[in-house]
PDB file of N, CA and C in Angstrom:
ATOM      1  N   UNK A   1      -9.448-112.340 -35.903  1.00  0.00           N
ATOM      2  CA  UNK A   1      -9.834-111.501 -36.629  1.00  0.00           C
ATOM      3  C   UNK A   1     -11.057-111.949 -37.735  1.00  0.00           C
ATOM      4  N   UNK A   2     -11.807-111.154 -38.004  1.00  0.00           N
ATOM      5  CA  UNK A   2     -12.821-111.889 -38.845  1.00  0.00           C
ATOM      6  C   UNK A   2     -12.380-112.041 -40.047  1.00  0.00           C
ATOM      7  N   UNK A   3     -12.864-112.849 -40.701  1.00  0.00           N
ATOM      8  CA  UNK A   3     -12.732-113.053 -42.191  1.00  0.00           C
ATOM      9  C   UNK A   3     -13.781-112.208 -43.236  1.00  0.00           C
ATOM     10  N   UNK A   4     -13.244-111.773 -44.016  1.00  0.00           N
ATOM     11  CA  UNK A   4     -14.223-110.856 -45.332  1.00  0.00           C
ATOM     12  C   UNK A   4     -14.934-111.504 -46.052  1.00  0.00           C
ATOM     13  N   UNK A   5     -15.795-111.668 -46.186  1.00  0.00           N
ATOM     14  CA  UNK A   5     -16.715-112.124 -46.785  1.00  0.00           C
ATOM     15  C   UNK A   5     -16.528-111.434 -48.222  1.00  0.00           C
ATOM     16  N   UNK A   6     -16.483-112.781 -49.288  1.00  0.00           N
ATOM     17  CA  UNK A   6     -16.030-112.084 -50.803  1.00  0.00           C
ATOM     18  C   UNK A   6     -17.297-112.064 -51.573  1.00  0.00           C
ATOM     19  N   UNK A   7     -17.801-111.572 -51.684  1.00  0.00           N
ATOM     20  CA  UNK A   7     -19.100-111.385 -52.815  1.00  0.00           C
ATOM     21  C   UNK A   7     -18.862-111.205 -54.368  1.00  0.00           C
ATOM     22  N   UNK A   8     -19.318-111.996 -55.306  1.00  0.00           N
ATOM     23  CA  UNK A   8     -19.355-111.892 -56.729  1.00  0.00           C
ATOM     24  C   UNK A   8     -19.810-110.858 -57.226  1.00  0.00           C
ATOM     25  N   UNK A   9     -18.875-110.128 -58.084  1.00  0.00           N
ATOM     26  CA  UNK A   9     -19.882-108.692 -58.722  1.00  0.00           C
ATOM     27  C   UNK A   9     -20.059-109.153 -60.111  1.00  0.00           C
ATOM     28  N   UNK A  10     -21.412-108.731 -60.090  1.00  0.00           N
ATOM     29  CA  UNK A  10     -21.838-108.676 -61.605  1.00  0.00           C
ATOM     30  C   UNK A  10     -21.252-107.961 -62.710  1.00  0.00           C
ATOM     31  N   UNK A  11     -21.083-108.331 -63.895  1.00  0.00           N
ATOM     32  CA  UNK A  11     -20.306-107.840 -65.319  1.00  0.00           C
ATOM     33  C   UNK A  11     -20.693-105.970 -64.973  1.00  0.00           C
ATOM     34  N   UNK A  12     -22.140-105.545 -64.772  1.00  0.00           N
ATOM     35  CA  UNK A  12     -22.026-104.487 -65.062  1.00  0.00           C
ATOM     36  C   UNK A  12     -21.506-103.711 -64.107  1.00  0.00           C
ATOM     37  N   UNK A  13     -21.196-104.222 -62.622  1.00  0.00           N
ATOM     38  CA  UNK A  13     -20.736-103.446 -61.618  1.00  0.00           C
ATOM     39  C   UNK A  13     -19.219-103.458 -61.819  1.00  0.00           C
ATOM     40  N   UNK A  14     -18.627-104.283 -62.330  1.00  0.00           N
ATOM     41  CA  UNK A  14     -17.456-104.614 -62.763  1.00  0.00           C
ATOM     42  C   UNK A  14     -17.105-103.252 -64.005  1.00  0.00           C
ATOM     43  N   UNK A  15     -17.893-103.232 -64.965  1.00  0.00           N
ATOM     44  CA  UNK A  15     -17.500-102.339 -66.204  1.00  0.00           C
ATOM     45  C   UNK A  15     -17.869-100.953 -65.446  1.00  0.00           C
ATOM     46  N   UNK A  16     -18.680-100.760 -64.451  1.00  0.00           N
ATOM     47  CA  UNK A  16     -18.813 -99.436 -63.886  1.00  0.00           C
ATOM     48  C   UNK A  16     -17.523 -99.202 -63.143  1.00  0.00           C
ATOM     49  N   UNK A  17     -17.186-100.147 -62.591  1.00  0.00           N
ATOM     50  CA  UNK A  17     -15.790 -99.779 -61.850  1.00  0.00           C
ATOM     51  C   UNK A  17     -14.468 -99.588 -62.712  1.00  0.00           C
ATOM     52  N   UNK A  18     -14.536 -99.946 -63.779  1.00  0.00           N
ATOM     53  CA  UNK A  18     -13.366 -99.734 -64.707  1.00  0.00           C
ATOM     54  C   UNK A  18     -13.530 -98.441 -65.361  1.00  0.00           C
ATOM     55  N   UNK A  19     -14.993 -98.127 -65.845  1.00  0.00           N
ATOM     56  CA  UNK A  19     -15.074 -96.843 -66.428  1.00  0.00           C
ATOM     57  C   UNK A  19     -14.584 -95.398 -65.482  1.00  0.00           C
ATOM     58  N   UNK A  20     -14.998 -95.993 -63.908  1.00  0.00           N
ATOM     59  CA  UNK A  20     -14.695 -94.928 -62.769  1.00  0.00           C
ATOM     60  C   UNK A  20     -12.950 -94.575 -62.957  1.00  0.00           C
ATOM     61  N   UNK A  21     -12.131 -96.075 -62.708  1.00  0.00           N
ATOM     62  CA  UNK A  21     -10.856 -96.030 -62.981  1.00  0.00           C
ATOM     63  C   UNK A  21     -10.151 -95.180 -64.202  1.00  0.00           C
ATOM     64  N   UNK A  22     -10.811 -95.505 -65.289  1.00  0.00           N
ATOM     65  CA  UNK A  22     -10.733 -94.894 -66.349  1.00  0.00           C
ATOM     66  C   UNK A  22     -10.475 -93.648 -66.624  1.00  0.00           C
ATOM     67  N   UNK A  23     -11.469 -92.894 -66.086  1.00  0.00           N
ATOM     68  CA  UNK A  23     -12.199 -91.623 -65.845  1.00  0.00           C
ATOM     69  C   UNK A  23     -10.598 -90.846 -64.653  1.00  0.00           C
ATOM     70  N   UNK A  24     -10.394 -91.874 -63.982  1.00  0.00           N
ATOM     71  CA  UNK A  24      -9.598 -91.127 -62.848  1.00  0.00           C
ATOM     72  C   UNK A  24      -8.020 -90.874 -63.622  1.00  0.00           C
ATOM     73  N   UNK A  25      -7.746 -92.057 -63.959  1.00  0.00           N
ATOM     74  CA  UNK A  25      -6.522 -92.037 -64.802  1.00  0.00           C
ATOM     75  C   UNK A  25      -6.522 -90.898 -65.999  1.00  0.00           C
ATOM     76  N   UNK A  26      -7.937 -90.487 -66.440  1.00  0.00           N
ATOM     77  CA  UNK A  26      -7.385 -89.598 -67.514  1.00  0.00           C
ATOM     78  C   UNK A  26      -7.329 -88.238 -66.848  1.00  0.00           C
ATOM     79  N   UNK A  27      -7.986 -88.155 -65.692  1.00  0.00           N
ATOM     80  CA  UNK A  27      -7.787 -86.941 -65.031  1.00  0.00           C
ATOM     81  C   UNK A  27      -6.563 -86.641 -64.593  1.00  0.00           C
ATOM     82  N   UNK A  28      -5.776 -87.656 -63.902  1.00  0.00           N
ATOM     83  CA  UNK A  28      -4.407 -87.575 -63.607  1.00  0.00           C
ATOM     84  C   UNK A  28      -3.631 -87.468 -64.713  1.00  0.00           C
ATOM     85  N   UNK A  29      -3.690 -88.263 -65.792  1.00  0.00           N
ATOM     86  CA  UNK A  29      -2.893 -87.741 -66.881  1.00  0.00           C
ATOM     87  C   UNK A  29      -2.795 -86.087 -67.321  1.00  0.00           C
ATOM     88  N   UNK A  30      -4.075 -85.594 -67.324  1.00  0.00           N
ATOM     89  CA  UNK A  30      -4.152 -84.216 -67.786  1.00  0.00           C
ATOM     90  C   UNK A  30      -3.658 -83.554 -66.899  1.00  0.00           C
ATOM     91  N   UNK A  31      -3.613 -83.755 -65.336  1.00  0.00           N
ATOM     92  CA  UNK A  31      -3.039 -82.794 -64.463  1.00  0.00           C
ATOM     93  C   UNK A  31      -1.446 -82.991 -64.547  1.00  0.00           C
ATOM     94  N   UNK A  32      -1.022 -84.197 -64.877  1.00  0.00           N
ATOM     95  CA  UNK A  32       0.738 -84.333 -65.243  1.00  0.00           C
ATOM     96  C   UNK A  32       1.016 -83.534 -66.275  1.00  0.00           C
ATOM     97  N   UNK A  33       0.225 -83.930 -67.399  1.00  0.00           N
ATOM     98  CA  UNK A  33       0.312 -82.704 -68.493  1.00  0.00           C
ATOM     99  C   UNK A  33       0.369 -81.254 -68.246  1.00  0.00           C
ATOM    100  N   UNK A  34      -0.634 -80.836 -67.695  1.00  0.00           N
ATOM    101  CA  UNK A  34      -0.436 -79.428 -67.338  1.00  0.00           C
ATOM    102  C   UNK A  34       0.943 -78.946 -66.645  1.00  0.00           C
ATOM    103  N   UNK A  35       1.352 -79.802 -65.529  1.00  0.00           N
ATOM    104  CA  UNK A  35       2.462 -79.303 -64.747  1.00  0.00           C
ATOM    105  C   UNK A  35       3.278 -79.715 -65.319  1.00  0.00           C
ATOM    106  N   UNK A  36       3.503 -80.399 -66.463  1.00  0.00           N
ATOM    107  CA  UNK A  36       4.709 -80.801 -67.142  1.00  0.00           C
ATOM    108  C   UNK A  36       4.866 -79.138 -68.383  1.00  0.00           C
ATOM    109  N   UNK A  37       4.056 -78.983 -68.538  1.00  0.00           N
ATOM    110  CA  UNK A  37       3.484 -77.470 -69.262  1.00  0.00           C
ATOM    111  C   UNK A  37       4.510 -76.403 -68.595  1.00  0.00           C
ATOM    112  N   UNK A  38       3.955 -76.409 -67.074  1.00  0.00           N
ATOM    113  CA  UNK A  38       3.980 -75.180 -66.667  1.00  0.00           C
ATOM    114  C   UNK A  38       5.708 -75.386 -66.317  1.00  0.00           C
ATOM    115  N   UNK A  39       6.054 -76.681 -65.779  1.00  0.00           N
ATOM    116  CA  UNK A  39       7.524 -76.465 -65.747  1.00  0.00           C
ATOM    117  C   UNK A  39       8.510 -76.318 -66.923  1.00  0.00           C
ATOM    118  N   UNK A  40       7.465 -76.809 -68.250  1.00  0.00           N
ATOM    119  CA  UNK A  40       8.448 -76.136 -69.184  1.00  0.00           C
ATOM    120  C   UNK A  40       8.867 -74.807 -69.470  1.00  0.00           C
ATOM    121  N   UNK A  41       7.713 -74.295 -69.120  1.00  0.00           N
ATOM    122  CA  UNK A  41       8.089 -72.730 -69.402  1.00  0.00           C
ATOM    123  C   UNK A  41       8.706 -71.970 -68.202  1.00  0.00           C
ATOM    124  N   UNK A  42       8.644 -72.715 -67.146  1.00  0.00           N
ATOM    125  CA  UNK A  42       9.373 -71.954 -66.158  1.00  0.00           C
ATOM    126  C   UNK A  42      10.885 -72.224 -65.583  1.00  0.00           C
ATOM    127  N   UNK A  43      10.971 -73.359 -66.599  1.00  0.00           N
ATOM    128  CA  UNK A  43      12.088 -74.406 -65.750  1.00  0.00           C
ATOM    129  C   UNK A  43      13.680 -73.120 -65.760  1.00  0.00           C
ATOM    130  N   UNK A  44      13.487 -72.409 -66.653  1.00  0.00           N
ATOM    131  CA  UNK A  44      14.535 -72.002 -67.022  1.00  0.00           C
ATOM    132  C   UNK A  44      15.017 -70.801 -65.889  1.00  0.00           C
ATOM    133  N   UNK A  45      13.654 -70.650 -65.147  1.00  0.00           N
ATOM    134  CA  UNK A  45      13.726 -69.239 -64.012  1.00  0.00           C
ATOM    135  C   UNK A  45      14.532 -70.041 -62.638  1.00  0.00           C
ATOM    136  N   UNK A  46      13.740 -71.286 -62.401  1.00  0.00           N
ATOM    137  CA  UNK A  46      14.441 -72.028 -61.311  1.00  0.00           C
ATOM    138  C   UNK A  46      15.743 -72.482 -61.509  1.00  0.00           C
ATOM    139  N   UNK A  47      16.524 -72.197 -60.327  1.00  0.00           N
ATOM    140  CA  UNK A  47      18.015 -72.582 -60.155  1.00  0.00           C
ATOM    141  C   UNK A  47      17.814 -73.946 -59.557  1.00  0.00           C
ATOM    142  N   UNK A  48      18.579 -75.176 -59.660  1.00  0.00           N
ATOM    143  CA  UNK A  48      18.616 -76.536 -59.463  1.00  0.00           C
ATOM    144  C   UNK A  48      19.752 -76.784 -58.862  1.00  0.00           C
ATOM    145  N   UNK A  49      19.728 -76.990 -57.624  1.00  0.00           N
ATOM    146  CA  UNK A  49      20.955 -77.096 -57.520  1.00  0.00           C
ATOM    147  C   UNK A  49      22.174 -78.111 -57.691  1.00  0.00           C
ATOM    148  N   UNK A  50      23.002 -78.450 -57.816  1.00  0.00           N
ATOM    149  CA  UNK A  50      23.707 -79.790 -58.110  1.00  0.00           C
ATOM    150  C   UNK A  50      23.776 -80.795 -57.403  1.00  0.00           C
ATOM    151  N   UNK A  51      23.428 -80.730 -55.827  1.00  0.00           N
ATOM    152  CA  UNK A  51      23.222 -81.921 -54.991  1.00  0.00           C
ATOM    153  C   UNK A  51      21.600 -81.647 -54.273  1.00  0.00           C
ATOM    154  N   UNK A  52      20.985 -82.402 -54.114  1.00  0.00           N
ATOM    155  CA  UNK A  52      19.854 -82.694 -53.715  1.00  0.00           C
ATOM    156  C   UNK A  52      20.040 -82.317 -52.614  1.00  0.00           C
ATOM    157  N   UNK A  53      18.951 -81.253 -52.067  1.00  0.00           N
ATOM    158  CA  UNK A  53      19.281 -80.722 -50.446  1.00  0.00           C
ATOM    159  C   UNK A  53      17.636 -80.784 -49.659  1.00  0.00           C
ATOM    160  N   UNK A  54      17.824 -80.754 -48.498  1.00  0.00           N
ATOM    161  CA  UNK A  54      16.519 -81.354 -47.747  1.00  0.00           C
ATOM    162  C   UNK A  54      15.627 -80.159 -47.557  1.00  0.00           C
ATOM    163  N   UNK A  55      14.423 -79.783 -47.769  1.00  0.00           N
ATOM    164  CA  UNK A  55      13.770 -78.562 -47.621  1.00  0.00           C
ATOM    165  C   UNK A  55      14.389 -77.522 -46.995  1.00  0.00           C
ATOM    166  N   UNK A  56      14.955 -77.889 -45.566  1.00  0.00           N
ATOM    167  CA  UNK A  56      15.488 -76.586 -44.600  1.00  0.00           C
ATOM    168  C   UNK A  56      16.873 -76.276 -45.580  1.00  0.00           C
ATOM    169  N   UNK A  57      17.601 -77.248 -45.683  1.00  0.00           N
ATOM    170  CA  UNK A  57      18.899 -76.753 -46.362  1.00  0.00           C
ATOM    171  C   UNK A  57      18.335 -75.938 -47.873  1.00  0.00           C
ATOM    172  N   UNK A  58      17.335 -76.367 -48.649  1.00  0.00           N
ATOM    173  CA  UNK A  58      17.436 -75.545 -49.559  1.00  0.00           C
ATOM    174  C   UNK A  58      16.814 -74.043 -49.344  1.00  0.00           C
ATOM    175  N   UNK A  59      16.007 -73.732 -48.114  1.00  0.00           N
ATOM    176  CA  UNK A  59      15.581 -72.489 -47.657  1.00  0.00           C
ATOM    177  C   UNK A  59      16.648 -72.020 -47.159  1.00  0.00           C
ATOM    178  N   UNK A  60      17.841 -72.341 -46.599  1.00  0.00           N
ATOM    179  CA  UNK A  60      18.796 -71.687 -45.994  1.00  0.00           C
ATOM    180  C   UNK A  60      20.036 -71.371 -47.240  1.00  0.00           C
ATOM    181  N   UNK A  61      19.704 -71.958 -48.194  1.00  0.00           N
ATOM    182  CA  UNK A  61      20.493 -71.521 -49.239  1.00  0.00           C
ATOM    183  C   UNK A  61      19.992 -70.448 -50.039  1.00  0.00           C
ATOM    184  N   UNK A  62      18.658 -70.580 -50.194  1.00  0.00           N
ATOM    185  CA  UNK A  62      17.961 -69.372 -50.659  1.00  0.00           C
ATOM    186  C   UNK A  62      17.994 -68.030 -50.311  1.00  0.00           C
ATOM    187  N   UNK A  63      18.196 -68.300 -49.042  1.00  0.00           N
ATOM    188  CA  UNK A  63      17.950 -67.173 -47.997  1.00  0.00           C
ATOM    189  C   UNK A  63      19.645 -66.500 -48.210  1.00  0.00           C
ATOM    190  N   UNK A  64      20.448 -67.493 -48.140  1.00  0.00           N
ATOM    191  CA  UNK A  64      21.830 -67.121 -48.285  1.00  0.00           C
ATOM    192  C   UNK A  64      22.292 -65.804 -49.401  1.00  0.00           C
ATOM    193  N   UNK A  65      21.249 -67.114 -50.192  1.00  0.00           N
ATOM    194  CA  UNK A  65      21.892 -65.982 -52.032  1.00  0.00           C
ATOM    195  C   UNK A  65      21.053 -64.709 -52.133  1.00  0.00           C
ATOM    196  N   UNK A  66      19.803 -64.807 -50.860  1.00  0.00           N
ATOM    197  CA  UNK A  66      19.092 -63.611 -51.301  1.00  0.00           C
ATOM    198  C   UNK A  66      20.396 -62.306 -50.483  1.00  0.00           C
ATOM    199  N   UNK A  67      21.099 -62.841 -49.844  1.00  0.00           N
ATOM    200  CA  UNK A  67      21.581 -61.986 -48.707  1.00  0.00           C
ATOM    201  C   UNK A  67      23.026 -61.698 -49.576  1.00  0.00           C
ATOM    202  N   UNK A  68      23.241 -62.157 -50.303  1.00  0.00           N
ATOM    203  CA  UNK A  68      24.348 -61.921 -51.386  1.00  0.00           C
ATOM    204  C   UNK A  68      24.072 -61.094 -52.661  1.00  0.00           C
ATOM    205  N   UNK A  69      22.841 -60.913 -52.783  1.00  0.00           N
ATOM    206  CA  UNK A  69      22.376 -59.982 -54.178  1.00  0.00           C
ATOM    207  C   UNK A  69      22.450 -58.569 -53.832  1.00  0.00           C
ATOM    208  N   UNK A  70      23.197 -57.888 -54.615  1.00  0.00           N
ATOM    209  CA  UNK A  70      23.485 -56.407 -54.619  1.00  0.00           C
ATOM    210  C   UNK A  70      22.660 -55.874 -55.404  1.00  0.00           C
ATOM    211  N   UNK A  71      21.760 -54.875 -54.553  1.00  0.00           N
ATOM    212  CA  UNK A  71      20.809 -54.209 -55.390  1.00  0.00           C
ATOM    213  C   UNK A  71      21.111 -52.797 -55.672  1.00  0.00           C
TER     214      UNK A  71
END
């Protein structure tokens, strides 16, 4: 296994890297905020089962619910 060579970073590179990380965190925070807003607006429409279901089980439960719907 080869050993990695660690090279010292100059302060400008460190500050630049930290700025990029900060921008990425800001972008992710904005996305999370938008998702929260979306869920707040649409949460009443979504029925959440009392028990956590696997995706396949959830799909089957939704299909069973549609079959029981009277039009």
